[in-house]
C-alpha cells in the first residue's frame, strides 16, 4: 500500500498522492496515522493557498490534528514502543535569536514550527499521510481505554483548554462562547468540565447551535444582539475570528469580566468597541495554540470527564479528502470532520458519518 498523503499545492489545488516513505532520524518514530482532523488552517491552505501570513510557496502535506500507532520505534530508544497508540503535539518551539519570550510558554516562541505550516521556508510538512516520521518528543501515549477516534480531538481540545486557562478560574463562572465551530464546541465542553455555572453559545447556523444545546449550553442566534448584550458573562471566549464576533464578545461581558481572544482575526486593524471594554474594565487576553495542556486533555478524555460526544460529525477515507474538505468548509453541514487513513475509499458521495 502506497504512502498516501493529502498535499496542498496552491489555492484550490488539493491532491491525494503518494509520497516517499518516511526516513526517520535517530530520535524519530514512524507512526501509522489513523485519523486526522481537518482544521481551519488546513481549509485556508486549500481555499486560499495561505493561512494568514503563511503563504504556500511549495507543495505541503497538510495536517496537525493527528493520532496513530507507532510502527517503528525511535532508534535512540526514546519514546513509545512499537504498537503504542499515540497523540501528537505538533509544536517545535524555536527562538529567533533576538525576540524575548517566556520559556515556560513554548507556544509563544517567536520562530516556532508547527506541523503542516507554511510559516517558514522550507515549509513544515504535516502528518496527513499513512506513515510519517515524528520526533518522539511530540508523541504522547494514549491512556488506557482511550480510542484513537476520540483522541483525534485532543489537539483542538487542548486549544480550547488553553483558552479557558487564559481566563483564570472558570468554576462557578458564567461562560459565553462566540462562534460554535469545532473549537467553540470544544470550549463549551471544556467549560462544562471545569465546572462553569452556566454556558451560552452563539452562532449563525442551526447545526452548531443544536450540537451545543445537546451538551447543555444555551444556544443564541448570533444576530440577536439584545440577547447577547443581556448575558453579562464573567468569561467570554471569542472563537469566531470575526470583527462582528469580537464586538459581540465585548457586548456579552459583564463589568470586570474577561474576554479571551481565541479566534484568529484578520491581519491589520480590526474595529472593536473598546470604549465599552474600558468603561467595564474588561480584561482582554489573547490565546495562541497551547503548551502543556495536551496531557491534561488526554486524561480527561480517557476518564470521560471531558464530554466530546457529537462534535465529530463526519469521518471520511483519506482518499476522499477533497470531498471531506468541502464538507468541513460548510458549517451549516458539519462540525469536526476526520480523515481516516486506514480505511479504503468508500463510494459515499456525502462521506461516512
C-alpha atoms as a PDB file:
ATOM      1  CA  UNK A   1       0.000   0.000   0.000  1.00  0.00           C
ATOM      2  CA  UNK A   2       1.431   3.359  -1.051  1.00  0.00           C
ATOM      3  CA  UNK A   3       2.096   6.140   1.419  1.00  0.00           C
ATOM      4  CA  UNK A   4      -0.977   8.191   0.570  1.00  0.00           C
ATOM      5  CA  UNK A   5      -0.872  11.827   1.666  1.00  0.00           C
ATOM      6  CA  UNK A   6      -3.070  14.926   1.429  1.00  0.00           C
ATOM      7  CA  UNK A   7      -0.987  17.638  -0.212  1.00  0.00           C
ATOM      8  CA  UNK A   8      -1.806  21.317  -0.837  1.00  0.00           C
ATOM      9  CA  UNK A   9      -0.133  22.640  -3.979  1.00  0.00           C
ATOM     10  CA  UNK A  10      -1.797  26.063  -4.000  1.00  0.00           C
ATOM     11  CA  UNK A  11      -5.172  27.753  -3.845  1.00  0.00           C
ATOM     12  CA  UNK A  12      -7.918  25.319  -4.888  1.00  0.00           C
ATOM     13  CA  UNK A  13      -5.299  22.660  -5.627  1.00  0.00           C
ATOM     14  CA  UNK A  14      -5.569  19.835  -3.092  1.00  0.00           C
ATOM     15  CA  UNK A  15      -4.255  16.437  -4.155  1.00  0.00           C
ATOM     16  CA  UNK A  16      -4.267  12.953  -2.695  1.00  0.00           C
ATOM     17  CA  UNK A  17      -0.997  11.440  -3.842  1.00  0.00           C
ATOM     18  CA  UNK A  18       1.711   9.007  -2.878  1.00  0.00           C
ATOM     19  CA  UNK A  19       4.738  10.465  -1.117  1.00  0.00           C
ATOM     20  CA  UNK A  20       8.068   8.805  -0.262  1.00  0.00           C
ATOM     21  CA  UNK A  21       8.218   6.514   2.723  1.00  0.00           C
ATOM     22  CA  UNK A  22       9.463   8.327   5.858  1.00  0.00           C
ATOM     23  CA  UNK A  23      13.160   8.180   6.650  1.00  0.00           C
ATOM     24  CA  UNK A  24      13.378   8.753  10.419  1.00  0.00           C
ATOM     25  CA  UNK A  25      16.186  10.466  12.309  1.00  0.00           C
ATOM     26  CA  UNK A  26      17.562   8.694  15.376  1.00  0.00           C
ATOM     27  CA  UNK A  27      15.043  10.395  17.684  1.00  0.00           C
ATOM     28  CA  UNK A  28      12.053   9.869  15.389  1.00  0.00           C
ATOM     29  CA  UNK A  29       9.490   7.086  15.324  1.00  0.00           C
ATOM     30  CA  UNK A  30       7.493   6.029  12.295  1.00  0.00           C
ATOM     31  CA  UNK A  31       3.800   6.467  13.105  1.00  0.00           C
ATOM     32  CA  UNK A  32       0.984   4.876  11.159  1.00  0.00           C
ATOM     33  CA  UNK A  33      -1.635   7.614  11.143  1.00  0.00           C
ATOM     34  CA  UNK A  34      -5.157   6.504  11.974  1.00  0.00           C
ATOM     35  CA  UNK A  35      -7.155   9.750  11.992  1.00  0.00           C
ATOM     36  CA  UNK A  36      -6.538  13.373  11.138  1.00  0.00           C
ATOM     37  CA  UNK A  37      -8.887  16.222  11.980  1.00  0.00           C
ATOM     38  CA  UNK A  38      -9.396  18.902   9.336  1.00  0.00           C
ATOM     39  CA  UNK A  39      -8.581  22.272  10.935  1.00  0.00           C
ATOM     40  CA  UNK A  40      -9.451  25.788   9.817  1.00  0.00           C
ATOM     41  CA  UNK A  41      -5.841  26.371   8.787  1.00  0.00           C
ATOM     42  CA  UNK A  42      -5.996  23.291   6.523  1.00  0.00           C
ATOM     43  CA  UNK A  43      -9.105  24.739   4.900  1.00  0.00           C
ATOM     44  CA  UNK A  44      -7.394  28.095   4.357  1.00  0.00           C
ATOM     45  CA  UNK A  45      -4.409  26.485   2.631  1.00  0.00           C
ATOM     46  CA  UNK A  46      -6.820  24.623   0.366  1.00  0.00           C
ATOM     47  CA  UNK A  47      -9.134  27.545  -0.368  1.00  0.00           C
ATOM     48  CA  UNK A  48      -6.676  30.455  -0.487  1.00  0.00           C
ATOM     49  CA  UNK A  49      -3.168  28.988  -0.698  1.00  0.00           C
ATOM     50  CA  UNK A  50      -2.413  30.714   2.602  1.00  0.00           C
ATOM     51  CA  UNK A  51      -3.373  30.733   6.257  1.00  0.00           C
ATOM     52  CA  UNK A  52      -2.962  34.297   7.470  1.00  0.00           C
ATOM     53  CA  UNK A  53       0.613  35.371   6.761  1.00  0.00           C
ATOM     54  CA  UNK A  54       1.688  31.776   5.996  1.00  0.00           C
ATOM     55  CA  UNK A  55       1.687  31.514   2.196  1.00  0.00           C
ATOM     56  CA  UNK A  56       2.220  28.300   0.262  1.00  0.00           C
ATOM     57  CA  UNK A  57       5.416  28.533  -1.773  1.00  0.00           C
ATOM     58  CA  UNK A  58       5.870  24.806  -2.340  1.00  0.00           C
ATOM     59  CA  UNK A  59       3.727  21.651  -2.045  1.00  0.00           C
ATOM     60  CA  UNK A  60       2.970  20.861   1.581  1.00  0.00           C
ATOM     61  CA  UNK A  61       1.424  17.872   3.319  1.00  0.00           C
ATOM     62  CA  UNK A  62      -1.359  19.246   5.487  1.00  0.00           C
ATOM     63  CA  UNK A  63      -2.432  18.178   8.942  1.00  0.00           C
ATOM     64  CA  UNK A  64      -1.525  18.635  12.585  1.00  0.00           C
ATOM     65  CA  UNK A  65      -4.520  17.124  14.429  1.00  0.00           C
ATOM     66  CA  UNK A  66      -3.389  13.503  14.161  1.00  0.00           C
ATOM     67  CA  UNK A  67      -3.300  10.254  16.101  1.00  0.00           C
ATOM     68  CA  UNK A  68      -1.902   6.874  15.189  1.00  0.00           C
ATOM     69  CA  UNK A  69       0.160   3.850  16.172  1.00  0.00           C
ATOM     70  CA  UNK A  70       3.931   3.516  16.447  1.00  0.00           C
ATOM     71  CA  UNK A  71       5.056   1.300  13.584  1.00  0.00           C
ATOM     72  CA  UNK A  72       8.819   1.642  14.123  1.00  0.00           C
ATOM     73  CA  UNK A  73      10.247   2.899  17.418  1.00  0.00           C
ATOM     74  CA  UNK A  74      12.988   5.528  17.503  1.00  0.00           C
ATOM     75  CA  UNK A  75      16.481   4.128  17.032  1.00  0.00           C
ATOM     76  CA  UNK A  76      17.823   6.041  20.052  1.00  0.00           C
ATOM     77  CA  UNK A  77      15.434   4.196  22.370  1.00  0.00           C
ATOM     78  CA  UNK A  78      13.339   7.233  23.246  1.00  0.00           C
ATOM     79  CA  UNK A  79       9.593   7.463  23.050  1.00  0.00           C
ATOM     80  CA  UNK A  80       6.775   4.918  22.966  1.00  0.00           C
ATOM     81  CA  UNK A  81       7.302   1.296  21.955  1.00  0.00           C
ATOM     82  CA  UNK A  82       6.113  -0.362  18.764  1.00  0.00           C
ATOM     83  CA  UNK A  83       2.342  -0.836  18.836  1.00  0.00           C
ATOM     84  CA  UNK A  84       1.673   2.118  21.136  1.00  0.00           C
ATOM     85  CA  UNK A  85      -1.282   4.322  20.214  1.00  0.00           C
ATOM     86  CA  UNK A  86      -0.221   7.969  20.337  1.00  0.00           C
ATOM     87  CA  UNK A  87      -1.475  11.527  20.052  1.00  0.00           C
ATOM     88  CA  UNK A  88       0.786  14.201  18.595  1.00  0.00           C
ATOM     89  CA  UNK A  89       1.849  17.584  19.963  1.00  0.00           C
ATOM     90  CA  UNK A  90       2.649  19.398  16.696  1.00  0.00           C
ATOM     91  CA  UNK A  91       4.759  22.286  18.064  1.00  0.00           C
ATOM     92  CA  UNK A  92       8.532  22.645  17.921  1.00  0.00           C
ATOM     93  CA  UNK A  93       9.473  25.811  19.841  1.00  0.00           C
ATOM     94  CA  UNK A  94      12.339  27.933  18.499  1.00  0.00           C
ATOM     95  CA  UNK A  95      13.626  31.370  19.378  1.00  0.00           C
ATOM     96  CA  UNK A  96      14.696  33.819  16.662  1.00  0.00           C
ATOM     97  CA  UNK A  97      17.832  34.967  18.440  1.00  0.00           C
ATOM     98  CA  UNK A  98      16.516  38.411  19.320  1.00  0.00           C
ATOM     99  CA  UNK A  99      12.889  38.415  20.467  1.00  0.00           C
ATOM    100  CA  UNK A 100      12.432  37.591  24.164  1.00  0.00           C
ATOM    101  CA  UNK A 101       9.729  35.117  25.132  1.00  0.00           C
ATOM    102  CA  UNK A 102       8.742  33.372  28.383  1.00  0.00           C
ATOM    103  CA  UNK A 103      10.464  29.990  28.428  1.00  0.00           C
ATOM    104  CA  UNK A 104       7.579  28.420  30.337  1.00  0.00           C
ATOM    105  CA  UNK A 105       5.237  29.280  27.449  1.00  0.00           C
ATOM    106  CA  UNK A 106       6.685  27.445  24.436  1.00  0.00           C
ATOM    107  CA  UNK A 107       3.640  28.320  22.320  1.00  0.00           C
ATOM    108  CA  UNK A 108       4.958  31.909  22.264  1.00  0.00           C
ATOM    109  CA  UNK A 109       8.436  31.090  20.965  1.00  0.00           C
ATOM    110  CA  UNK A 110       8.761  33.524  18.025  1.00  0.00           C
ATOM    111  CA  UNK A 111      10.281  31.221  15.389  1.00  0.00           C
ATOM    112  CA  UNK A 112       8.426  28.011  16.237  1.00  0.00           C
ATOM    113  CA  UNK A 113       7.364  25.467  13.681  1.00  0.00           C
ATOM    114  CA  UNK A 114       4.063  23.611  13.603  1.00  0.00           C
ATOM    115  CA  UNK A 115       3.220  20.514  11.613  1.00  0.00           C
ATOM    116  CA  UNK A 116       1.534  21.456   8.341  1.00  0.00           C
ATOM    117  CA  UNK A 117       2.536  25.126   8.430  1.00  0.00           C
ATOM    118  CA  UNK A 118       3.862  27.328   5.626  1.00  0.00           C
ATOM    119  CA  UNK A 119       5.163  29.965   8.044  1.00  0.00           C
ATOM    120  CA  UNK A 120       8.764  29.076   7.188  1.00  0.00           C
ATOM    121  CA  UNK A 121      10.529  28.018   4.007  1.00  0.00           C
ATOM    122  CA  UNK A 122      11.030  25.161   3.516  1.00  0.00           C
ATOM    123  CA  UNK A 123       7.577  24.537   4.907  1.00  0.00           C
ATOM    124  CA  UNK A 124       6.998  22.274   7.888  1.00  0.00           C
ATOM    125  CA  UNK A 125       5.359  19.220   6.346  1.00  0.00           C
ATOM    126  CA  UNK A 126       2.249  17.978   8.094  1.00  0.00           C
ATOM    127  CA  UNK A 127       1.093  14.499   9.054  1.00  0.00           C
ATOM    128  CA  UNK A 128      -1.878  13.790   6.778  1.00  0.00           C
ATOM    129  CA  UNK A 129      -0.200  10.652   5.409  1.00  0.00           C
ATOM    130  CA  UNK A 130      -0.448   6.943   6.083  1.00  0.00           C
ATOM    131  CA  UNK A 131       3.039   6.834   7.555  1.00  0.00           C
ATOM    132  CA  UNK A 132       5.097   9.718   8.945  1.00  0.00           C
ATOM    133  CA  UNK A 133       8.322  10.132  10.902  1.00  0.00           C
ATOM    134  CA  UNK A 134       7.831  12.234  14.030  1.00  0.00           C
ATOM    135  CA  UNK A 135      10.196  13.232  16.855  1.00  0.00           C
ATOM    136  CA  UNK A 136       9.418  11.222  19.962  1.00  0.00           C
ATOM    137  CA  UNK A 137       9.114  14.441  22.000  1.00  0.00           C
ATOM    138  CA  UNK A 138       5.902  15.073  20.025  1.00  0.00           C
ATOM    139  CA  UNK A 139       4.344  11.719  20.913  1.00  0.00           C
ATOM    140  CA  UNK A 140       2.011  11.095  23.834  1.00  0.00           C
ATOM    141  CA  UNK A 141       0.986   7.507  24.555  1.00  0.00           C
ATOM    142  CA  UNK A 142      -2.790   7.295  24.926  1.00  0.00           C
ATOM    143  CA  UNK A 143      -4.114   6.451  28.387  1.00  0.00           C
ATOM    144  CA  UNK A 144      -5.779   3.024  28.719  1.00  0.00           C
ATOM    145  CA  UNK A 145      -9.310   2.954  27.390  1.00  0.00           C
ATOM    146  CA  UNK A 146      -8.993   5.993  25.127  1.00  0.00           C
ATOM    147  CA  UNK A 147      -9.786   5.201  21.495  1.00  0.00           C
ATOM    148  CA  UNK A 148      -7.842   6.691  18.629  1.00  0.00           C
ATOM    149  CA  UNK A 149     -11.011   8.191  17.168  1.00  0.00           C
ATOM    150  CA  UNK A 150     -11.834  10.084  20.363  1.00  0.00           C
ATOM    151  CA  UNK A 151      -8.180  11.047  20.838  1.00  0.00           C
ATOM    152  CA  UNK A 152      -8.270  12.703  17.402  1.00  0.00           C
ATOM    153  CA  UNK A 153      -9.991  15.610  19.183  1.00  0.00           C
ATOM    154  CA  UNK A 154      -7.197  16.005  21.748  1.00  0.00           C
ATOM    155  CA  UNK A 155      -5.176  18.629  19.859  1.00  0.00           C
ATOM    156  CA  UNK A 156      -8.066  21.051  19.228  1.00  0.00           C
ATOM    157  CA  UNK A 157      -9.429  20.330  22.714  1.00  0.00           C
ATOM    158  CA  UNK A 158      -6.055  21.425  24.101  1.00  0.00           C
ATOM    159  CA  UNK A 159      -6.507  24.710  22.223  1.00  0.00           C
ATOM    160  CA  UNK A 160      -9.864  25.154  23.972  1.00  0.00           C
ATOM    161  CA  UNK A 161      -8.396  24.143  27.344  1.00  0.00           C
ATOM    162  CA  UNK A 162      -5.592  26.689  26.962  1.00  0.00           C
ATOM    163  CA  UNK A 163      -8.075  29.434  26.068  1.00  0.00           C
ATOM    164  CA  UNK A 164     -10.026  28.906  29.277  1.00  0.00           C
ATOM    165  CA  UNK A 165      -6.788  28.731  31.252  1.00  0.00           C
ATOM    166  CA  UNK A 166      -6.086  32.229  29.932  1.00  0.00           C
ATOM    167  CA  UNK A 167      -9.302  33.373  31.620  1.00  0.00           C
ATOM    168  CA  UNK A 168      -8.274  32.033  35.019  1.00  0.00           C
ATOM    169  CA  UNK A 169     -10.635  30.151  37.329  1.00  0.00           C
ATOM    170  CA  UNK A 170     -13.789  29.109  35.480  1.00  0.00           C
ATOM    171  CA  UNK A 171     -15.528  27.047  38.162  1.00  0.00           C
ATOM    172  CA  UNK A 172     -18.725  28.757  39.234  1.00  0.00           C
ATOM    173  CA  UNK A 173     -18.484  31.351  36.445  1.00  0.00           C
ATOM    174  CA  UNK A 174     -20.866  32.171  33.638  1.00  0.00           C
ATOM    175  CA  UNK A 175     -19.213  31.498  30.282  1.00  0.00           C
ATOM    176  CA  UNK A 176     -20.214  32.648  26.796  1.00  0.00           C
ATOM    177  CA  UNK A 177     -18.677  31.244  23.614  1.00  0.00           C
ATOM    178  CA  UNK A 178     -18.929  33.352  20.466  1.00  0.00           C
ATOM    179  CA  UNK A 179     -18.863  31.031  17.459  1.00  0.00           C
ATOM    180  CA  UNK A 180     -19.820  27.350  17.730  1.00  0.00           C
ATOM    181  CA  UNK A 181     -17.497  25.800  15.179  1.00  0.00           C
ATOM    182  CA  UNK A 182     -15.425  22.782  16.256  1.00  0.00           C
ATOM    183  CA  UNK A 183     -13.188  24.874  18.519  1.00  0.00           C
ATOM    184  CA  UNK A 184     -16.186  26.673  20.004  1.00  0.00           C
ATOM    185  CA  UNK A 185     -17.863  23.317  20.657  1.00  0.00           C
ATOM    186  CA  UNK A 186     -14.738  22.166  22.478  1.00  0.00           C
ATOM    187  CA  UNK A 187     -14.616  25.379  24.534  1.00  0.00           C
ATOM    188  CA  UNK A 188     -18.181  24.607  25.626  1.00  0.00           C
ATOM    189  CA  UNK A 189     -17.149  21.058  26.562  1.00  0.00           C
ATOM    190  CA  UNK A 190     -14.081  22.221  28.492  1.00  0.00           C
ATOM    191  CA  UNK A 191     -16.047  24.951  30.305  1.00  0.00           C
ATOM    192  CA  UNK A 192     -18.507  22.330  31.484  1.00  0.00           C
ATOM    193  CA  UNK A 193     -15.655  20.037  32.502  1.00  0.00           C
ATOM    194  CA  UNK A 194     -14.193  22.892  34.550  1.00  0.00           C
ATOM    195  CA  UNK A 195     -17.451  23.462  36.453  1.00  0.00           C
ATOM    196  CA  UNK A 196     -18.820  26.602  34.833  1.00  0.00           C
ATOM    197  CA  UNK A 197     -22.082  27.714  36.416  1.00  0.00           C
ATOM    198  CA  UNK A 198     -23.669  28.301  33.018  1.00  0.00           C
ATOM    199  CA  UNK A 199     -22.563  28.204  29.386  1.00  0.00           C
ATOM    200  CA  UNK A 200     -24.131  30.033  26.447  1.00  0.00           C
ATOM    201  CA  UNK A 201     -23.016  29.902  22.827  1.00  0.00           C
ATOM    202  CA  UNK A 202     -23.758  31.957  19.724  1.00  0.00           C
ATOM    203  CA  UNK A 203     -23.635  31.060  16.068  1.00  0.00           C
ATOM    204  CA  UNK A 204     -25.296  31.856  12.749  1.00  0.00           C
ATOM    205  CA  UNK A 205     -26.213  28.264  11.852  1.00  0.00           C
ATOM    206  CA  UNK A 206     -28.742  25.859  13.383  1.00  0.00           C
ATOM    207  CA  UNK A 207     -26.498  22.760  13.354  1.00  0.00           C
ATOM    208  CA  UNK A 208     -23.723  24.054  15.642  1.00  0.00           C
ATOM    209  CA  UNK A 209     -26.295  25.621  17.954  1.00  0.00           C
ATOM    210  CA  UNK A 210     -28.105  22.294  18.148  1.00  0.00           C
ATOM    211  CA  UNK A 211     -24.873  20.425  18.913  1.00  0.00           C
ATOM    212  CA  UNK A 212     -24.036  22.839  21.731  1.00  0.00           C
ATOM    213  CA  UNK A 213     -27.576  22.691  23.100  1.00  0.00           C
ATOM    214  CA  UNK A 214     -27.360  18.900  23.325  1.00  0.00           C
ATOM    215  CA  UNK A 215     -24.377  19.414  25.599  1.00  0.00           C
ATOM    216  CA  UNK A 216     -26.459  21.663  27.861  1.00  0.00           C
ATOM    217  CA  UNK A 217     -25.426  25.084  26.591  1.00  0.00           C
ATOM    218  CA  UNK A 218     -27.890  27.887  25.972  1.00  0.00           C
ATOM    219  CA  UNK A 219     -27.973  28.451  22.206  1.00  0.00           C
ATOM    220  CA  UNK A 220     -28.377  32.010  20.872  1.00  0.00           C
ATOM    221  CA  UNK A 221     -28.589  33.204  17.296  1.00  0.00           C
ATOM    222  CA  UNK A 222     -25.569  35.419  16.646  1.00  0.00           C
ATOM    223  CA  UNK A 223     -27.840  38.016  15.046  1.00  0.00           C
ATOM    224  CA  UNK A 224     -29.794  38.500  18.287  1.00  0.00           C
ATOM    225  CA  UNK A 225     -27.793  41.454  19.621  1.00  0.00           C
ATOM    226  CA  UNK A 226     -30.118  42.251  22.561  1.00  0.00           C
ATOM    227  CA  UNK A 227     -29.959  38.668  23.839  1.00  0.00           C
ATOM    228  CA  UNK A 228     -26.164  38.685  23.633  1.00  0.00           C
ATOM    229  CA  UNK A 229     -25.880  42.038  25.388  1.00  0.00           C
ATOM    230  CA  UNK A 230     -28.082  40.733  28.205  1.00  0.00           C
ATOM    231  CA  UNK A 231     -25.767  37.805  29.023  1.00  0.00           C
ATOM    232  CA  UNK A 232     -23.433  39.716  31.395  1.00  0.00           C
ATOM    233  CA  UNK A 233     -20.932  36.849  31.393  1.00  0.00           C
ATOM    234  CA  UNK A 234     -17.918  36.506  33.670  1.00  0.00           C
ATOM    235  CA  UNK A 235     -15.895  34.919  30.859  1.00  0.00           C
ATOM    236  CA  UNK A 236     -16.398  35.297  27.114  1.00  0.00           C
ATOM    237  CA  UNK A 237     -14.376  33.304  24.584  1.00  0.00           C
ATOM    238  CA  UNK A 238     -14.366  34.798  21.097  1.00  0.00           C
ATOM    239  CA  UNK A 239     -13.810  31.829  18.782  1.00  0.00           C
ATOM    240  CA  UNK A 240     -15.290  33.085  15.511  1.00  0.00           C
ATOM    241  CA  UNK A 241     -12.272  35.138  14.455  1.00  0.00           C
ATOM    242  CA  UNK A 242     -14.511  37.854  13.003  1.00  0.00           C
ATOM    243  CA  UNK A 243     -14.929  41.555  13.741  1.00  0.00           C
ATOM    244  CA  UNK A 244     -18.662  41.151  14.497  1.00  0.00           C
ATOM    245  CA  UNK A 245     -17.766  38.282  16.821  1.00  0.00           C
ATOM    246  CA  UNK A 246     -15.272  40.466  18.656  1.00  0.00           C
ATOM    247  CA  UNK A 247     -17.896  43.193  19.107  1.00  0.00           C
ATOM    248  CA  UNK A 248     -20.386  40.618  20.361  1.00  0.00           C
ATOM    249  CA  UNK A 249     -17.835  39.219  22.821  1.00  0.00           C
ATOM    250  CA  UNK A 250     -17.262  42.636  24.389  1.00  0.00           C
ATOM    251  CA  UNK A 251     -21.007  43.272  24.457  1.00  0.00           C
ATOM    252  CA  UNK A 252     -21.644  39.954  26.242  1.00  0.00           C
ATOM    253  CA  UNK A 253     -19.104  40.532  29.035  1.00  0.00           C
ATOM    254  CA  UNK A 254     -20.148  41.743  32.477  1.00  0.00           C
ATOM    255  CA  UNK A 255     -18.286  44.638  34.101  1.00  0.00           C
ATOM    256  CA  UNK A 256     -14.977  43.295  35.379  1.00  0.00           C
ATOM    257  CA  UNK A 257     -15.230  40.281  33.076  1.00  0.00           C
ATOM    258  CA  UNK A 258     -12.650  38.623  30.852  1.00  0.00           C
ATOM    259  CA  UNK A 259     -12.729  38.295  27.072  1.00  0.00           C
ATOM    260  CA  UNK A 260     -10.431  35.627  25.623  1.00  0.00           C
ATOM    261  CA  UNK A 261      -9.432  36.298  22.015  1.00  0.00           C
ATOM    262  CA  UNK A 262      -9.158  32.777  20.616  1.00  0.00           C
ATOM    263  CA  UNK A 263     -10.381  33.121  17.040  1.00  0.00           C
ATOM    264  CA  UNK A 264      -7.607  34.493  14.820  1.00  0.00           C
ATOM    265  CA  UNK A 265      -8.637  37.893  13.474  1.00  0.00           C
ATOM    266  CA  UNK A 266      -7.577  39.125  10.051  1.00  0.00           C
ATOM    267  CA  UNK A 267      -4.217  40.862   9.740  1.00  0.00           C
ATOM    268  CA  UNK A 268      -4.150  44.630  10.239  1.00  0.00           C
ATOM    269  CA  UNK A 269      -6.592  46.866  12.047  1.00  0.00           C
ATOM    270  CA  UNK A 270      -9.841  45.348  13.306  1.00  0.00           C
ATOM    271  CA  UNK A 271     -12.671  47.564  14.593  1.00  0.00           C
ATOM    272  CA  UNK A 272     -13.797  46.900  18.156  1.00  0.00           C
ATOM    273  CA  UNK A 273     -15.961  48.722  20.731  1.00  0.00           C
ATOM    274  CA  UNK A 274     -13.032  49.495  23.013  1.00  0.00           C
ATOM    275  CA  UNK A 275     -14.901  52.256  24.847  1.00  0.00           C
ATOM    276  CA  UNK A 276     -17.191  49.559  26.232  1.00  0.00           C
ATOM    277  CA  UNK A 277     -14.187  47.461  27.226  1.00  0.00           C
ATOM    278  CA  UNK A 278     -12.656  50.428  29.019  1.00  0.00           C
ATOM    279  CA  UNK A 279     -15.704  51.566  30.983  1.00  0.00           C
ATOM    280  CA  UNK A 280     -16.478  47.982  32.026  1.00  0.00           C
ATOM    281  CA  UNK A 281     -12.826  47.388  32.980  1.00  0.00           C
ATOM    282  CA  UNK A 282     -12.772  44.255  30.860  1.00  0.00           C
ATOM    283  CA  UNK A 283      -9.651  42.136  30.649  1.00  0.00           C
ATOM    284  CA  UNK A 284      -8.881  41.253  27.021  1.00  0.00           C
ATOM    285  CA  UNK A 285      -6.379  38.414  26.707  1.00  0.00           C
ATOM    286  CA  UNK A 286      -5.055  36.548  23.685  1.00  0.00           C
ATOM    287  CA  UNK A 287      -4.813  32.776  23.347  1.00  0.00           C
ATOM    288  CA  UNK A 288      -2.452  31.007  20.938  1.00  0.00           C
ATOM    289  CA  UNK A 289      -2.498  27.237  20.434  1.00  0.00           C
ATOM    290  CA  UNK A 290      -1.482  25.514  23.693  1.00  0.00           C
ATOM    291  CA  UNK A 291       1.510  24.461  25.765  1.00  0.00           C
ATOM    292  CA  UNK A 292       1.278  21.604  28.274  1.00  0.00           C
ATOM    293  CA  UNK A 293      -2.488  21.133  28.161  1.00  0.00           C
ATOM    294  CA  UNK A 294      -2.442  18.126  25.809  1.00  0.00           C
ATOM    295  CA  UNK A 295      -1.648  15.688  28.632  1.00  0.00           C
ATOM    296  CA  UNK A 296      -4.482  17.067  30.767  1.00  0.00           C
ATOM    297  CA  UNK A 297      -6.892  16.714  27.854  1.00  0.00           C
ATOM    298  CA  UNK A 298      -5.892  13.102  27.162  1.00  0.00           C
ATOM    299  CA  UNK A 299      -6.522  12.169  30.788  1.00  0.00           C
ATOM    300  CA  UNK A 300      -9.902  13.941  30.780  1.00  0.00           C
ATOM    301  CA  UNK A 301     -10.921  12.217  27.559  1.00  0.00           C
ATOM    302  CA  UNK A 302      -9.839   8.861  28.941  1.00  0.00           C
ATOM    303  CA  UNK A 303     -11.874   9.156  32.145  1.00  0.00           C
ATOM    304  CA  UNK A 304     -14.792  10.668  30.202  1.00  0.00           C
ATOM    305  CA  UNK A 305     -14.946  13.766  32.381  1.00  0.00           C
ATOM    306  CA  UNK A 306     -14.484  15.760  29.159  1.00  0.00           C
ATOM    307  CA  UNK A 307     -17.554  15.047  27.036  1.00  0.00           C
ATOM    308  CA  UNK A 308     -16.891  15.460  23.306  1.00  0.00           C
ATOM    309  CA  UNK A 309     -19.776  13.330  22.094  1.00  0.00           C
ATOM    310  CA  UNK A 310     -21.219  14.530  18.769  1.00  0.00           C
ATOM    311  CA  UNK A 311     -18.501  17.038  17.896  1.00  0.00           C
ATOM    312  CA  UNK A 312     -17.177  14.738  15.151  1.00  0.00           C
ATOM    313  CA  UNK A 313     -19.966  14.772  12.585  1.00  0.00           C
ATOM    314  CA  UNK A 314     -18.216  13.120   9.640  1.00  0.00           C
ATOM    315  CA  UNK A 315     -15.425  10.604   9.080  1.00  0.00           C
ATOM    316  CA  UNK A 316     -14.172  10.034   5.540  1.00  0.00           C
ATOM    317  CA  UNK A 317     -11.458   7.893   3.950  1.00  0.00           C
ATOM    318  CA  UNK A 318      -8.320   9.941   3.327  1.00  0.00           C
ATOM    319  CA  UNK A 319      -8.586   9.043  -0.343  1.00  0.00           C
ATOM    320  CA  UNK A 320     -11.808  11.098  -0.388  1.00  0.00           C
ATOM    321  CA  UNK A 321     -10.111  14.140   1.173  1.00  0.00           C
ATOM    322  CA  UNK A 322     -11.329  16.694  -1.363  1.00  0.00           C
ATOM    323  CA  UNK A 323     -14.981  15.887  -0.669  1.00  0.00           C
ATOM    324  CA  UNK A 324     -14.279  15.831   3.064  1.00  0.00           C
ATOM    325  CA  UNK A 325     -12.658  19.275   2.909  1.00  0.00           C
ATOM    326  CA  UNK A 326     -15.747  20.567   1.122  1.00  0.00           C
ATOM    327  CA  UNK A 327     -17.980  19.312   3.908  1.00  0.00           C
ATOM    328  CA  UNK A 328     -15.660  20.661   6.608  1.00  0.00           C
ATOM    329  CA  UNK A 329     -15.801  24.094   4.967  1.00  0.00           C
ATOM    330  CA  UNK A 330     -19.600  24.238   5.344  1.00  0.00           C
ATOM    331  CA  UNK A 331     -20.532  24.981   8.991  1.00  0.00           C
ATOM    332  CA  UNK A 332     -24.196  24.506   8.154  1.00  0.00           C
ATOM    333  CA  UNK A 333     -23.478  20.822   7.409  1.00  0.00           C
ATOM    334  CA  UNK A 334     -20.660  19.778   9.702  1.00  0.00           C
ATOM    335  CA  UNK A 335     -18.644  20.288  12.836  1.00  0.00           C
ATOM    336  CA  UNK A 336     -15.347  18.375  13.082  1.00  0.00           C
ATOM    337  CA  UNK A 337     -14.522  16.215  10.059  1.00  0.00           C
ATOM    338  CA  UNK A 338     -11.963  13.418  10.403  1.00  0.00           C
ATOM    339  CA  UNK A 339      -9.901  11.765   7.690  1.00  0.00           C
ATOM    340  CA  UNK A 340      -9.444   8.027   8.163  1.00  0.00           C
ATOM    341  CA  UNK A 341      -6.060   6.912   6.838  1.00  0.00           C
ATOM    342  CA  UNK A 342      -6.657   3.215   7.471  1.00  0.00           C
ATOM    343  CA  UNK A 343      -9.899   2.743   5.538  1.00  0.00           C
ATOM    344  CA  UNK A 344     -10.008   2.372   1.749  1.00  0.00           C
ATOM    345  CA  UNK A 345     -12.196   4.815  -0.158  1.00  0.00           C
ATOM    346  CA  UNK A 346     -15.907   4.072   0.054  1.00  0.00           C
ATOM    347  CA  UNK A 347     -18.468   5.028  -2.614  1.00  0.00           C
ATOM    348  CA  UNK A 348     -20.278   7.537  -0.389  1.00  0.00           C
ATOM    349  CA  UNK A 349     -20.899  10.954  -2.028  1.00  0.00           C
ATOM    350  CA  UNK A 350     -21.551  12.680   1.317  1.00  0.00           C
ATOM    351  CA  UNK A 351     -18.752  10.839   3.204  1.00  0.00           C
ATOM    352  CA  UNK A 352     -19.356   8.431   6.015  1.00  0.00           C
ATOM    353  CA  UNK A 353     -20.843   9.743   9.245  1.00  0.00           C
END
